[in-house]
Amino acid sequence: MVASNGGRFEDPPAEVLAEAAAAFGLLASPARLHIVWALAQGESDVTGLAERVGGALPAVSQHLTKLKLAGLVRSRREGRRHVYLVDDPDVVTVVRLMVGQLSDRAEHASRPVRLGGFGA
């Protein structure tokens, strides 16, 4: 999507921006971000996710439903349980990049990570 005018990027269509904003909106919840982060490391059932992220089973289940409806995660049946996994590898890339960058900054900074630090 690079335009021929000096290497500048073209603006995406409004529908694409709306879809991206919706996905980022879902990931704006620390609980849902933690769930996607955990699933980026490997698939899990809701009980394993609840234990890993420290959430109540019903709350984790609700978060998974929202992420599933948005197409960010999917599930498959294994006997009586549902196993969840990230449905979009690009989401894994974005989450790993963002969380990794912020973790690196927090480790090397003497002050807490602030969002104002992006691009500065």
Protein backbone atom coordinates (compact mmCIF):
# COMPACT_ATOMS: atom_id res chain seq x y z
CA MET A 1 0.00 0.00 0.00
CA VAL A 2 2.87 2.39 -0.57
CA ALA A 3 2.00 5.14 -2.99
CA SER A 4 4.34 6.29 -5.71
CA ASN A 5 4.47 9.82 -4.27
CA GLY A 6 7.81 9.73 -2.47
CA GLY A 7 7.18 6.50 -0.53
CA ARG A 8 4.31 7.87 1.54
CA PHE A 9 1.59 5.49 2.68
CA GLU A 10 -1.92 5.89 1.35
CA ASP A 11 -4.72 6.31 3.86
CA PRO A 12 -6.72 3.11 4.37
CA PRO A 13 -10.46 3.08 3.71
CA ALA A 14 -12.75 4.14 6.57
CA GLU A 15 -14.06 0.57 6.92
CA VAL A 16 -10.54 -0.75 7.52
CA LEU A 17 -9.87 1.93 10.14
CA ALA A 18 -13.17 1.11 11.87
CA GLU A 19 -12.31 -2.60 11.94
CA ALA A 20 -8.83 -1.90 13.32
CA ALA A 21 -10.27 0.43 15.98
CA ALA A 22 -12.73 -2.27 17.03
CA ALA A 23 -9.94 -4.83 17.37
CA PHE A 24 -7.77 -2.41 19.35
CA GLY A 25 -10.81 -1.57 21.48
CA LEU A 26 -11.20 -5.22 22.42
CA LEU A 27 -7.52 -5.46 23.24
CA ALA A 28 -7.71 -2.28 25.36
CA SER A 29 -9.02 -4.39 28.24
CA PRO A 30 -6.06 -5.64 30.32
CA ALA A 31 -7.90 -8.91 30.97
CA ARG A 32 -8.56 -9.57 27.27
CA LEU A 33 -5.03 -8.52 26.35
CA HIS A 34 -3.68 -10.97 28.95
CA ILE A 35 -5.87 -13.73 27.50
CA VAL A 36 -4.64 -13.06 23.96
CA TRP A 37 -1.06 -12.89 25.26
CA ALA A 38 -1.51 -16.26 26.96
CA LEU A 39 -3.07 -17.79 23.84
CA ALA A 40 -0.22 -16.40 21.75
CA GLN A 41 2.04 -18.69 23.78
CA GLY A 42 -0.16 -21.72 23.07
CA GLU A 43 -3.73 -22.95 23.08
CA SER A 44 -5.64 -23.51 26.30
CA ASP A 45 -9.05 -24.28 27.72
CA VAL A 46 -11.00 -21.73 29.75
CA THR A 47 -9.98 -23.28 33.08
CA GLY A 48 -6.28 -23.05 32.22
CA LEU A 49 -6.71 -19.48 31.02
CA ALA A 50 -8.56 -18.47 34.18
CA GLU A 51 -5.76 -19.90 36.30
CA ARG A 52 -3.06 -18.23 34.20
CA VAL A 53 -4.61 -14.75 34.03
CA GLY A 54 -6.03 -14.86 37.56
CA GLY A 55 -9.61 -14.30 36.49
CA ALA A 56 -12.88 -15.87 37.50
CA LEU A 57 -14.05 -18.60 35.14
CA PRO A 58 -17.28 -16.80 34.09
CA ALA A 59 -15.41 -13.54 33.40
CA VAL A 60 -12.73 -15.28 31.31
CA SER A 61 -15.46 -17.12 29.43
CA GLN A 62 -17.21 -13.81 28.64
CA HIS A 63 -13.95 -12.26 27.43
CA LEU A 64 -13.35 -15.29 25.20
CA THR A 65 -16.83 -14.96 23.74
CA LYS A 66 -16.16 -11.33 22.80
CA LEU A 67 -12.77 -12.17 21.32
CA LYS A 68 -14.30 -15.07 19.41
CA LEU A 69 -17.14 -12.95 18.00
CA ALA A 70 -14.55 -10.43 16.80
CA GLY A 71 -12.61 -13.19 15.05
CA LEU A 72 -9.49 -12.75 17.19
CA VAL A 73 -9.69 -16.21 18.76
CA ARG A 74 -11.38 -19.47 17.86
CA SER A 75 -12.10 -22.71 19.64
CA ARG A 76 -12.28 -26.38 18.90
CA ARG A 77 -13.77 -29.23 20.84
CA GLU A 78 -11.62 -31.83 22.53
CA GLY A 79 -14.04 -34.22 24.13
CA ARG A 80 -16.07 -32.22 26.64
CA ARG A 81 -13.89 -29.14 26.70
CA HIS A 82 -13.28 -26.25 24.32
CA VAL A 83 -9.69 -25.39 23.49
CA TYR A 84 -9.04 -21.76 22.50
CA LEU A 85 -6.35 -20.40 20.20
CA VAL A 86 -5.58 -17.12 18.47
CA ASP A 87 -7.30 -17.13 15.09
CA ASP A 88 -5.22 -14.39 13.49
CA PRO A 89 -1.41 -14.70 13.48
CA ASP A 90 -1.11 -10.97 12.77
CA VAL A 91 -2.83 -10.26 16.09
CA VAL A 92 -0.19 -12.39 17.80
CA THR A 93 2.51 -10.34 16.09
CA VAL A 94 0.99 -7.02 17.16
CA VAL A 95 0.41 -8.15 20.76
CA ARG A 96 3.89 -9.64 21.11
CA LEU A 97 5.47 -6.52 19.63
CA MET A 98 3.55 -4.09 21.85
CA VAL A 99 3.86 -6.04 25.10
CA GLY A 100 7.48 -6.91 24.35
CA GLN A 101 8.42 -3.29 23.67
CA LEU A 102 6.71 -2.09 26.84
CA SER A 103 8.33 -4.87 28.90
CA ASP A 104 11.77 -3.95 27.54
CA ARG A 105 11.19 -0.28 28.31
CA ALA A 106 10.01 -1.09 31.83
CA GLU A 107 13.10 -3.21 32.48
CA HIS A 108 15.48 -0.49 31.28
CA ALA A 109 13.69 2.50 32.77
CA SER A 110 13.83 3.76 36.30
CA ARG A 111 10.30 5.11 35.96
CA PRO A 112 7.01 3.40 35.00
CA VAL A 113 6.13 2.94 31.35
CA ARG A 114 3.96 5.75 29.99
CA LEU A 115 2.04 5.72 26.77
CA GLY A 116 3.35 9.21 26.04
CA GLY A 117 6.71 7.58 25.37
CA PHE A 118 5.65 6.11 22.03
CA GLY A 119 7.39 7.71 19.11
CA ALA A 120 9.14 10.20 21.38
